[in-house]
Amino acid sequence: MRENPTMHIPINHHLRPLYRVLTGLAGLYVLVFGIAGASRSAGLPLFADPHHETLPWVLGLRTNPAFSYLSIGAGIALLAGAVIGRNVDHYVNLVAGGVFLLSGMAMMTLLQTDANFLGFSMSNCVVSFILGLVTLAAGLYGRSGTAEQAEAEYAYQHR
């Protein structure tokens, strides 16, 4: 099997268990936030606008029902990836990290407009960036493989 010469993601990194714990905690935070946000924002329109309705603050973040439901789904996905492990967490974390970073950037551009459909505040954007960086780093260092694959990757990197 020939490796992609442009991809140097470590296999069986020694801090892999730490990264799984960090993404599990991040997933738990996002899930608890989503559940609490869904209960606190019950009765509001799905895409309640922060310019017209008073949105509740939950765990330091502003939320509307749509953002709460998305958070529940994201939290379940992160927790499932952390629990399943193997390379599932590697791919889940890579995708989730990118989604968190892109959504934080997109919602920051829409922050002071009527298009802020998830009811983000600046603290939501900062937390989205932090979660994105943590999960992306976990995805980059969370790849697992056989001992032979790890040795081949190490030899390729140090030749």
Protein backbone atom coordinates (compact mmCIF):
# COMPACT_ATOMS: atom_id res chain seq x y z
CA MET A 1 0.00 0.00 0.00
CA ARG A 2 1.49 3.31 -1.07
CA GLU A 3 0.94 6.23 1.30
CA ASN A 4 -0.10 9.66 0.11
CA PRO A 5 3.15 11.68 0.22
CA THR A 6 1.32 14.90 1.15
CA MET A 7 -0.45 13.42 4.18
CA HIS A 8 1.56 13.07 7.38
CA ILE A 9 -1.05 12.44 10.03
CA PRO A 10 0.54 10.42 12.84
CA ILE A 11 -0.77 6.94 13.54
CA ASN A 12 -1.27 5.75 17.13
CA HIS A 13 -0.10 9.06 18.64
CA HIS A 14 0.78 8.67 22.32
CA LEU A 15 -1.69 11.44 23.35
CA ARG A 16 -4.61 9.84 21.49
CA PRO A 17 -6.46 8.90 24.72
CA LEU A 18 -6.20 12.51 25.93
CA TYR A 19 -7.69 13.79 22.68
CA ARG A 20 -10.56 11.29 22.95
CA VAL A 21 -11.30 12.54 26.47
CA LEU A 22 -11.17 16.17 25.32
CA THR A 23 -13.58 15.55 22.46
CA GLY A 24 -15.82 13.55 24.77
CA LEU A 25 -15.92 16.51 27.17
CA ALA A 26 -16.54 18.91 24.29
CA GLY A 27 -19.37 16.68 23.05
CA LEU A 28 -20.84 16.50 26.54
CA TYR A 29 -20.73 20.30 26.88
CA VAL A 30 -22.41 20.78 23.50
CA LEU A 31 -25.06 18.15 24.33
CA VAL A 32 -25.84 19.63 27.76
CA PHE A 33 -25.95 23.10 26.22
CA GLY A 34 -28.36 21.90 23.53
CA ILE A 35 -30.70 20.18 25.99
CA ALA A 36 -30.71 23.12 28.39
CA GLY A 37 -31.13 25.54 25.49
CA ALA A 38 -34.06 23.59 24.07
CA SER A 39 -35.83 23.68 27.40
CA ARG A 40 -35.06 27.38 28.02
CA SER A 41 -36.03 28.49 24.50
CA ALA A 42 -39.23 26.44 24.31
CA GLY A 43 -42.08 28.56 23.00
CA LEU A 44 -39.89 30.79 20.85
CA PRO A 45 -39.99 30.58 17.05
CA LEU A 46 -37.55 28.01 15.66
CA PHE A 47 -35.25 30.67 14.18
CA ALA A 48 -35.90 33.39 16.75
CA ASP A 49 -34.07 36.58 15.86
CA PRO A 50 -32.00 38.24 18.61
CA HIS A 51 -32.96 41.68 17.24
CA HIS A 52 -36.68 41.06 17.79
CA GLU A 53 -36.95 38.50 20.61
CA THR A 54 -35.10 38.17 23.86
CA LEU A 55 -33.10 34.98 23.54
CA PRO A 56 -32.11 33.01 26.63
CA TRP A 57 -28.51 32.61 27.75
CA VAL A 58 -27.47 29.05 28.59
CA LEU A 59 -23.99 28.11 29.87
CA GLY A 60 -22.69 31.50 28.76
CA LEU A 61 -24.08 31.28 25.22
CA ARG A 62 -27.17 32.72 23.58
CA THR A 63 -29.49 30.27 21.87
CA ASN A 64 -32.70 29.85 19.93
CA PRO A 65 -34.50 26.52 19.38
CA ALA A 66 -32.81 25.82 16.04
CA PHE A 67 -29.33 26.28 17.50
CA SER A 68 -30.28 24.14 20.49
CA TYR A 69 -31.42 21.26 18.28
CA LEU A 70 -28.29 21.53 16.12
CA SER A 71 -26.20 21.46 19.31
CA ILE A 72 -27.94 18.30 20.50
CA GLY A 73 -27.10 16.59 17.21
CA ALA A 74 -23.49 17.80 17.24
CA GLY A 75 -23.04 16.73 20.86
CA ILE A 76 -24.38 13.25 20.15
CA ALA A 77 -22.07 12.92 17.12
CA LEU A 78 -18.99 14.00 19.10
CA LEU A 79 -19.82 11.73 22.02
CA ALA A 80 -20.52 8.79 19.73
CA GLY A 81 -17.20 9.29 17.95
CA ALA A 82 -15.32 9.49 21.25
CA VAL A 83 -17.01 6.37 22.61
CA ILE A 84 -16.67 4.28 19.44
CA GLY A 85 -13.03 5.25 18.91
CA ARG A 86 -10.99 3.38 16.31
CA ASN A 87 -10.84 5.67 13.29
CA VAL A 88 -14.47 6.78 13.60
CA ASP A 89 -13.43 9.48 16.07
CA HIS A 90 -10.64 10.56 13.72
CA TYR A 91 -13.07 11.30 10.89
CA VAL A 92 -15.84 12.69 13.12
CA ASN A 93 -13.39 15.07 14.76
CA LEU A 94 -11.91 16.25 11.46
CA VAL A 95 -15.37 17.03 10.07
CA ALA A 96 -16.70 18.51 13.33
CA GLY A 97 -13.63 20.70 13.75
CA GLY A 98 -14.08 22.14 10.29
CA VAL A 99 -17.80 22.65 10.81
CA PHE A 100 -17.29 24.42 14.15
CA LEU A 101 -14.63 26.72 12.66
CA LEU A 102 -16.62 27.51 9.53
CA SER A 103 -19.88 28.06 11.39
CA GLY A 104 -18.15 30.36 13.88
CA MET A 105 -16.70 32.40 11.04
CA ALA A 106 -19.97 32.46 9.07
CA MET A 107 -22.04 33.47 12.08
CA MET A 108 -19.50 36.14 13.02
CA THR A 109 -20.01 37.76 9.62
CA LEU A 110 -23.79 37.69 10.18
CA LEU A 111 -23.64 38.80 13.81
CA GLN A 112 -25.13 42.30 13.53
CA THR A 113 -27.53 41.51 10.69
CA ASP A 114 -31.06 40.18 10.43
CA ALA A 115 -29.55 37.04 8.86
CA ASN A 116 -28.28 35.86 12.28
CA PHE A 117 -30.67 32.92 12.10
CA LEU A 118 -29.03 30.92 14.93
CA GLY A 119 -29.06 33.83 17.36
CA PHE A 120 -25.29 33.87 17.84
CA SER A 121 -23.46 36.39 20.00
CA MET A 122 -19.73 37.03 19.96
CA SER A 123 -19.27 34.58 22.83
CA ASN A 124 -20.95 31.89 20.71
CA CYS A 125 -18.42 32.56 17.94
CA VAL A 126 -15.46 32.36 20.34
CA VAL A 127 -16.71 29.08 21.83
CA SER A 128 -17.29 27.73 18.33
CA PHE A 129 -13.68 28.56 17.42
CA ILE A 130 -12.34 26.91 20.58
CA LEU A 131 -14.40 23.76 20.07
CA GLY A 132 -13.35 23.70 16.42
CA LEU A 133 -9.66 23.92 17.25
CA VAL A 134 -9.88 21.24 19.96
CA THR A 135 -11.80 18.79 17.80
CA LEU A 136 -9.68 19.47 14.72
CA ALA A 137 -6.47 18.85 16.69
CA ALA A 138 -8.00 15.67 18.09
CA GLY A 139 -8.86 14.57 14.57
CA LEU A 140 -5.36 15.25 13.31
CA TYR A 141 -3.74 13.25 16.12
CA GLY A 142 -6.45 10.63 16.58
CA ARG A 143 -5.73 8.28 13.71
CA SER A 144 -5.20 4.67 14.69
CA GLY A 145 -3.71 1.77 12.82
CA THR A 146 -1.63 -1.33 13.12
CA ALA A 147 1.90 -1.29 14.48
CA GLU A 148 3.22 -1.88 10.97
CA GLN A 149 1.36 1.16 9.64
CA ALA A 150 2.70 3.31 12.46
CA GLU A 151 6.26 2.13 11.79
CA ALA A 152 5.87 2.79 8.06
CA GLU A 153 4.57 6.32 8.74
CA TYR A 154 7.42 6.97 11.19
CA ALA A 155 9.99 5.71 8.66
CA TYR A 156 8.47 7.84 5.92
CA GLN A 157 8.57 10.97 8.09
CA HIS A 158 12.15 10.41 9.23
CA ARG A 159 13.84 9.21 6.06
